[in-house]
Amino acid sequence: MRASMERALKQSYDRQEQCNQAHMYAHQEEMNNRYLDDCQRRLHDAWHAGQPFVADPPVVDYTTLPPYDGSVTYPTPPSHHSQWVDPHTIGSQQASQEGDQGSSSSGAFGFGGFAEMMTSIFGPPQPKYY
């Protein structure tokens, strides 16, 4: 009886291995097809934009690039986007508050004192990375 159980376990293991190999092959095909599709979309978008396009762009060797010196700056939005507050109404509220009152509370929520404290600790605000 023990031999038959071992034989059944081995057959079960072999069947599972065959299924895994079949799924692995299908998964690899899917990855290859997605890569080719992404390349075609990229080339098509570049063609529509009138940009020169390369079928397979050269690989960048990042070890040979010079170190980042901070000379490149990217545009940052004028106000932080919030899912609760409309950024366009914040600007108009700030302008009206600055004209109405000269207190230390600034912004839509009155975090002026907090902002001054954080500026004194960490320095002026830096551009955001998003």
N, C-alpha and C. Protein backbone atom coordinates (compact mmCIF):
# COMPACT_ATOMS: atom_id res chain seq x y z
N MET A 1 0.82 -1.19 0.00
CA MET A 1 0.00 0.00 0.00
C MET A 1 0.86 1.25 0.00
N ARG A 2 1.99 1.17 0.69
CA ARG A 2 2.87 2.32 0.75
C ARG A 2 3.43 2.67 -0.63
N ALA A 3 3.76 1.67 -1.42
CA ALA A 3 4.30 1.90 -2.76
C ALA A 3 3.27 2.57 -3.66
N SER A 4 2.01 2.16 -3.53
CA SER A 4 0.98 2.78 -4.36
C SER A 4 0.75 4.25 -3.97
N MET A 5 0.88 4.56 -2.68
CA MET A 5 0.73 5.96 -2.25
C MET A 5 1.89 6.81 -2.77
N GLU A 6 3.09 6.26 -2.74
CA GLU A 6 4.25 6.99 -3.26
C GLU A 6 4.11 7.22 -4.75
N ARG A 7 3.61 6.18 -5.46
CA ARG A 7 3.41 6.30 -6.89
C ARG A 7 2.36 7.36 -7.20
N ALA A 8 1.28 7.38 -6.44
CA ALA A 8 0.23 8.37 -6.64
C ALA A 8 0.75 9.78 -6.35
N LEU A 9 1.55 9.94 -5.30
CA LEU A 9 2.13 11.25 -4.98
C LEU A 9 3.06 11.72 -6.09
N LYS A 10 3.87 10.80 -6.62
CA LYS A 10 4.79 11.18 -7.70
C LYS A 10 4.01 11.58 -8.95
N GLN A 11 2.95 10.84 -9.28
CA GLN A 11 2.14 11.19 -10.45
C GLN A 11 1.47 12.55 -10.24
N SER A 12 0.99 12.79 -9.03
CA SER A 12 0.36 14.08 -8.74
C SER A 12 1.38 15.21 -8.87
N TYR A 13 2.58 14.97 -8.35
CA TYR A 13 3.63 15.99 -8.45
C TYR A 13 4.00 16.25 -9.91
N ASP A 14 4.12 15.18 -10.72
CA ASP A 14 4.47 15.34 -12.13
C ASP A 14 3.38 16.10 -12.89
N ARG A 15 2.09 15.78 -12.60
CA ARG A 15 0.99 16.50 -13.25
C ARG A 15 1.04 17.99 -12.90
N GLN A 16 1.31 18.28 -11.61
CA GLN A 16 1.37 19.67 -11.17
C GLN A 16 2.53 20.41 -11.85
N GLU A 17 3.67 19.71 -12.01
CA GLU A 17 4.82 20.32 -12.69
C GLU A 17 4.49 20.61 -14.15
N GLN A 18 3.78 19.71 -14.83
CA GLN A 18 3.41 19.94 -16.22
C GLN A 18 2.46 21.14 -16.33
N CYS A 19 1.54 21.23 -15.40
CA CYS A 19 0.62 22.39 -15.41
C CYS A 19 1.40 23.68 -15.17
N ASN A 20 2.33 23.66 -14.22
CA ASN A 20 3.12 24.86 -13.93
C ASN A 20 3.95 25.28 -15.14
N GLN A 21 4.54 24.31 -15.84
CA GLN A 21 5.32 24.65 -17.02
C GLN A 21 4.45 25.23 -18.12
N ALA A 22 3.26 24.68 -18.29
CA ALA A 22 2.34 25.21 -19.31
C ALA A 22 1.93 26.63 -18.96
N HIS A 23 1.62 26.88 -17.70
CA HIS A 23 1.24 28.24 -17.29
C HIS A 23 2.42 29.20 -17.40
N MET A 24 3.62 28.71 -17.08
CA MET A 24 4.80 29.56 -17.18
C MET A 24 5.04 29.97 -18.63
N TYR A 25 4.85 29.05 -19.56
CA TYR A 25 5.01 29.35 -20.98
C TYR A 25 3.98 30.39 -21.43
N ALA A 26 2.73 30.20 -21.01
CA ALA A 26 1.69 31.16 -21.38
C ALA A 26 1.97 32.53 -20.76
N HIS A 27 2.46 32.55 -19.54
CA HIS A 27 2.78 33.81 -18.87
C HIS A 27 3.93 34.53 -19.60
N GLN A 28 4.93 33.79 -20.02
CA GLN A 28 6.05 34.39 -20.75
C GLN A 28 5.58 34.94 -22.10
N GLU A 29 4.71 34.22 -22.78
CA GLU A 29 4.14 34.72 -24.03
C GLU A 29 3.36 36.01 -23.80
N GLU A 30 2.59 36.06 -22.73
CA GLU A 30 1.82 37.27 -22.41
C GLU A 30 2.75 38.45 -22.15
N MET A 31 3.83 38.22 -21.41
CA MET A 31 4.79 39.30 -21.14
C MET A 31 5.43 39.79 -22.44
N ASN A 32 5.80 38.88 -23.32
CA ASN A 32 6.40 39.28 -24.59
C ASN A 32 5.41 40.06 -25.45
N ASN A 33 4.17 39.61 -25.49
CA ASN A 33 3.16 40.31 -26.28
C ASN A 33 2.89 41.70 -25.73
N ARG A 34 2.87 41.84 -24.40
CA ARG A 34 2.67 43.16 -23.81
C ARG A 34 3.82 44.09 -24.14
N TYR A 35 5.05 43.57 -24.12
CA TYR A 35 6.21 44.39 -24.46
C TYR A 35 6.11 44.88 -25.90
N LEU A 36 5.79 43.97 -26.82
CA LEU A 36 5.66 44.37 -28.22
C LEU A 36 4.54 45.38 -28.41
N ASP A 37 3.42 45.19 -27.69
CA ASP A 37 2.31 46.12 -27.79
C ASP A 37 2.70 47.49 -27.25
N ASP A 38 3.42 47.53 -26.13
CA ASP A 38 3.88 48.81 -25.58
C ASP A 38 4.83 49.52 -26.55
N CYS A 39 5.71 48.75 -27.19
CA CYS A 39 6.62 49.35 -28.19
C CYS A 39 5.82 49.95 -29.34
N GLN A 40 4.84 49.22 -29.83
CA GLN A 40 4.04 49.74 -30.94
C GLN A 40 3.26 51.00 -30.55
N ARG A 41 2.72 51.01 -29.33
CA ARG A 41 2.00 52.21 -28.86
C ARG A 41 2.95 53.39 -28.74
N ARG A 42 4.15 53.15 -28.20
CA ARG A 42 5.12 54.22 -28.04
C ARG A 42 5.53 54.79 -29.41
N LEU A 43 5.79 53.90 -30.37
CA LEU A 43 6.16 54.36 -31.70
C LEU A 43 5.01 55.12 -32.36
N HIS A 44 3.80 54.64 -32.18
CA HIS A 44 2.64 55.29 -32.78
C HIS A 44 2.43 56.68 -32.17
N ASP A 45 2.55 56.79 -30.84
CA ASP A 45 2.39 58.09 -30.18
C ASP A 45 3.48 59.06 -30.62
N ALA A 46 4.72 58.58 -30.72
CA ALA A 46 5.81 59.44 -31.17
C ALA A 46 5.59 59.87 -32.61
N TRP A 47 5.10 58.98 -33.46
CA TRP A 47 4.83 59.32 -34.85
C TRP A 47 3.75 60.38 -34.94
N HIS A 48 2.68 60.23 -34.13
CA HIS A 48 1.60 61.22 -34.13
C HIS A 48 2.09 62.57 -33.63
N ALA A 49 3.00 62.57 -32.66
CA ALA A 49 3.51 63.83 -32.12
C ALA A 49 4.56 64.47 -33.02
N GLY A 50 4.96 63.78 -34.08
CA GLY A 50 5.96 64.32 -34.98
C GLY A 50 7.37 64.22 -34.43
N GLN A 51 7.58 63.36 -33.46
CA GLN A 51 8.90 63.20 -32.87
C GLN A 51 9.64 62.07 -33.59
N PRO A 52 10.96 62.16 -33.59
CA PRO A 52 11.69 61.01 -34.15
C PRO A 52 11.54 59.81 -33.24
N PHE A 53 11.39 58.64 -33.83
CA PHE A 53 11.17 57.46 -33.00
C PHE A 53 12.18 56.39 -33.35
N VAL A 54 12.56 55.64 -32.32
CA VAL A 54 13.53 54.56 -32.47
C VAL A 54 12.85 53.27 -32.03
N ALA A 55 12.99 52.24 -32.82
CA ALA A 55 12.29 50.99 -32.52
C ALA A 55 12.75 50.42 -31.18
N ASP A 56 14.03 50.28 -30.99
CA ASP A 56 14.58 49.80 -29.72
C ASP A 56 15.57 50.83 -29.23
N PRO A 57 15.18 51.68 -28.28
CA PRO A 57 16.11 52.71 -27.82
C PRO A 57 17.34 52.10 -27.17
N PRO A 58 18.48 52.78 -27.29
CA PRO A 58 19.70 52.21 -26.71
C PRO A 58 19.62 52.16 -25.19
N VAL A 59 20.32 51.21 -24.63
CA VAL A 59 20.35 51.05 -23.17
C VAL A 59 21.25 52.13 -22.59
N VAL A 60 20.79 52.80 -21.53
CA VAL A 60 21.57 53.86 -20.89
C VAL A 60 22.41 53.24 -19.79
N ASP A 61 23.71 53.52 -19.83
CA ASP A 61 24.61 53.07 -18.77
C ASP A 61 24.66 54.17 -17.72
N TYR A 62 23.91 54.00 -16.65
CA TYR A 62 23.78 55.05 -15.64
C TYR A 62 25.07 55.27 -14.85
N THR A 63 26.00 54.33 -14.91
CA THR A 63 27.26 54.52 -14.18
C THR A 63 28.16 55.53 -14.87
N THR A 64 27.95 55.79 -16.17
CA THR A 64 28.80 56.74 -16.88
C THR A 64 28.22 58.15 -16.88
N LEU A 65 27.02 58.35 -16.38
CA LEU A 65 26.42 59.68 -16.38
C LEU A 65 27.07 60.55 -15.31
N PRO A 66 27.17 61.87 -15.56
CA PRO A 66 27.73 62.74 -14.52
C PRO A 66 26.76 62.85 -13.35
N PRO A 67 27.26 63.20 -12.18
CA PRO A 67 26.36 63.32 -11.03
C PRO A 67 25.39 64.49 -11.20
N TYR A 68 24.27 64.38 -10.55
CA TYR A 68 23.23 65.41 -10.64
C TYR A 68 23.69 66.65 -9.89
N ASP A 69 23.70 67.79 -10.57
CA ASP A 69 24.19 69.01 -9.95
C ASP A 69 23.07 69.99 -9.60
N GLY A 70 21.83 69.63 -9.84
CA GLY A 70 20.71 70.51 -9.49
C GLY A 70 20.42 71.56 -10.54
N SER A 71 21.04 71.45 -11.72
CA SER A 71 20.84 72.48 -12.74
C SER A 71 19.49 72.34 -13.43
N VAL A 72 18.87 71.18 -13.38
CA VAL A 72 17.59 70.97 -14.03
C VAL A 72 16.49 71.16 -13.00
N THR A 73 15.55 72.04 -13.31
CA THR A 73 14.40 72.25 -12.43
C THR A 73 13.14 71.97 -13.22
N TYR A 74 12.21 71.32 -12.57
CA TYR A 74 10.95 70.98 -13.21
C TYR A 74 9.86 71.90 -12.68
N PRO A 75 8.87 72.24 -13.51
CA PRO A 75 7.80 73.12 -13.03
C PRO A 75 6.98 72.44 -11.94
N THR A 76 6.61 73.21 -10.94
CA THR A 76 5.79 72.69 -9.86
C THR A 76 4.45 73.41 -9.86
N PRO A 77 3.40 72.75 -9.46
CA PRO A 77 2.11 73.42 -9.44
C PRO A 77 2.10 74.53 -8.40
N PRO A 78 1.32 75.59 -8.63
CA PRO A 78 1.31 76.70 -7.68
C PRO A 78 0.72 76.34 -6.33
N SER A 79 -0.18 75.38 -6.30
CA SER A 79 -0.75 74.97 -5.02
C SER A 79 -0.91 73.46 -5.01
N HIS A 80 -0.88 72.89 -3.81
CA HIS A 80 -0.98 71.45 -3.68
C HIS A 80 -2.40 71.00 -3.99
N HIS A 81 -2.52 69.97 -4.80
CA HIS A 81 -3.84 69.46 -5.13
C HIS A 81 -4.41 68.67 -3.95
N SER A 82 -5.65 68.92 -3.64
CA SER A 82 -6.32 68.21 -2.57
C SER A 82 -7.61 67.63 -3.12
N GLN A 83 -7.97 66.47 -2.62
CA GLN A 83 -9.22 65.88 -3.09
C GLN A 83 -10.44 66.49 -2.41
N TRP A 84 -10.21 67.29 -1.36
CA TRP A 84 -11.32 67.91 -0.66
C TRP A 84 -11.48 69.39 -0.99
N VAL A 85 -10.39 70.06 -1.30
CA VAL A 85 -10.44 71.50 -1.50
C VAL A 85 -10.12 71.81 -2.95
N ASP A 86 -10.90 72.69 -3.55
CA ASP A 86 -10.65 73.10 -4.92
C ASP A 86 -9.47 74.08 -4.94
N PRO A 87 -8.39 73.78 -5.67
CA PRO A 87 -7.22 74.65 -5.63
C PRO A 87 -7.49 76.04 -6.19
N HIS A 88 -8.48 76.18 -7.07
CA HIS A 88 -8.76 77.50 -7.65
C HIS A 88 -9.44 78.41 -6.64
N THR A 89 -10.25 77.84 -5.76
CA THR A 89 -10.90 78.70 -4.76
C THR A 89 -9.93 79.07 -3.64
N ILE A 90 -8.89 78.25 -3.41
CA ILE A 90 -7.92 78.59 -2.36
C ILE A 90 -7.19 79.87 -2.72
N GLY A 91 -6.76 80.01 -3.97
CA GLY A 91 -6.03 81.20 -4.39
C GLY A 91 -6.86 82.46 -4.23
N SER A 92 -8.14 82.38 -4.59
CA SER A 92 -8.99 83.57 -4.45
C SER A 92 -9.27 83.86 -2.97
N GLN A 93 -9.39 82.81 -2.13
CA GLN A 93 -9.60 83.03 -0.70
C GLN A 93 -8.37 83.65 -0.05
N GLN A 94 -7.18 83.21 -0.47
CA GLN A 94 -5.96 83.77 0.10
C GLN A 94 -5.83 85.24 -0.27
N ALA A 95 -6.15 85.56 -1.51
CA ALA A 95 -6.04 86.96 -1.93
C ALA A 95 -7.02 87.83 -1.15
N SER A 96 -8.23 87.33 -0.94
CA SER A 96 -9.22 88.13 -0.20
C SER A 96 -8.85 88.21 1.28
N GLN A 97 -8.28 87.15 1.85
CA GLN A 97 -7.88 87.19 3.26
C GLN A 97 -6.71 88.14 3.47
N GLU A 98 -5.75 88.16 2.55
CA GLU A 98 -4.62 89.05 2.70
C GLU A 98 -5.05 90.50 2.61
N GLY A 99 -6.05 90.74 1.80
CA GLY A 99 -6.55 92.11 1.70
C GLY A 99 -7.37 92.50 2.91
N ASP A 100 -8.10 91.57 3.52
CA ASP A 100 -8.99 91.87 4.63
C ASP A 100 -8.25 91.97 5.96
N GLN A 101 -7.33 91.05 6.21
CA GLN A 101 -6.71 91.00 7.53
C GLN A 101 -5.21 90.83 7.39
N GLY A 102 -4.47 91.34 8.35
CA GLY A 102 -3.03 91.23 8.34
C GLY A 102 -2.53 90.31 9.42
N SER A 103 -3.31 89.33 9.84
CA SER A 103 -2.91 88.44 10.93
C SER A 103 -1.93 87.38 10.44
N SER A 104 -1.45 86.55 11.36
CA SER A 104 -0.45 85.55 11.01
C SER A 104 -1.07 84.31 10.38
N SER A 105 -2.39 84.19 10.36
CA SER A 105 -2.99 83.00 9.74
C SER A 105 -3.01 83.19 8.24
N SER A 106 -2.48 82.22 7.54
CA SER A 106 -2.47 82.30 6.08
C SER A 106 -3.04 81.02 5.52
N GLY A 107 -3.51 81.08 4.29
CA GLY A 107 -4.08 79.91 3.64
C GLY A 107 -5.53 79.72 4.01
N ALA A 108 -6.12 78.70 3.44
CA ALA A 108 -7.54 78.44 3.64
C ALA A 108 -7.83 77.93 5.05
N PHE A 109 -6.84 77.32 5.72
CA PHE A 109 -7.09 76.71 7.01
C PHE A 109 -6.41 77.44 8.16
N GLY A 110 -5.67 78.51 7.90
CA GLY A 110 -5.04 79.30 8.95
C GLY A 110 -3.88 78.59 9.62
N PHE A 111 -2.97 78.02 8.83
CA PHE A 111 -1.80 77.36 9.39
C PHE A 111 -0.58 78.28 9.38
N GLY A 112 -0.77 79.57 9.49
CA GLY A 112 0.34 80.52 9.39
C GLY A 112 1.40 80.30 10.45
N GLY A 113 0.99 80.15 11.70
CA GLY A 113 1.96 79.93 12.77
C GLY A 113 2.72 78.64 12.59
N PHE A 114 2.02 77.60 12.16
CA PHE A 114 2.66 76.31 11.93
C PHE A 114 3.66 76.40 10.78
N ALA A 115 3.26 77.10 9.71
CA ALA A 115 4.16 77.25 8.57
C ALA A 115 5.40 78.04 8.96
N GLU A 116 5.24 79.08 9.77
CA GLU A 116 6.40 79.86 10.22
C GLU A 116 7.34 79.00 11.07
N MET A 117 6.76 78.17 11.94
CA MET A 117 7.59 77.31 12.77
C MET A 117 8.36 76.30 11.91
N MET A 118 7.70 75.67 10.93
CA MET A 118 8.36 74.70 10.08
C MET A 118 9.43 75.37 9.22
N THR A 119 9.17 76.61 8.78
CA THR A 119 10.17 77.33 8.00
C THR A 119 11.38 77.65 8.85
N SER A 120 11.15 77.99 10.12
CA SER A 120 12.29 78.29 10.99
C SER A 120 13.12 77.03 11.27
N ILE A 121 12.49 75.86 11.25
CA ILE A 121 13.22 74.62 11.52
C ILE A 121 13.91 74.09 10.26
N PHE A 122 13.13 73.96 9.16
CA PHE A 122 13.62 73.28 7.96
C PHE A 122 14.01 74.22 6.82
N GLY A 123 13.82 75.52 7.00
CA GLY A 123 14.15 76.45 5.93
C GLY A 123 12.93 76.67 5.02
N PRO A 124 13.12 77.44 3.94
CA PRO A 124 11.98 77.74 3.07
C PRO A 124 11.51 76.48 2.35
N PRO A 125 10.24 76.48 1.90
CA PRO A 125 9.71 75.30 1.21
C PRO A 125 10.48 75.02 -0.07
N GLN A 126 10.66 73.75 -0.35
CA GLN A 126 11.37 73.31 -1.56
C GLN A 126 10.33 72.79 -2.56
N PRO A 127 10.70 72.73 -3.85
CA PRO A 127 9.76 72.19 -4.85
C PRO A 127 9.41 70.74 -4.52
N LYS A 128 8.16 70.39 -4.83
CA LYS A 128 7.70 69.03 -4.54
C LYS A 128 8.13 68.09 -5.65
N TYR A 129 8.21 66.80 -5.34
CA TYR A 129 8.71 65.82 -6.29
C TYR A 129 7.60 65.06 -7.00
N TYR A 130 6.43 65.62 -7.14
CA TYR A 130 5.37 64.90 -7.83
C TYR A 130 4.91 65.64 -9.03
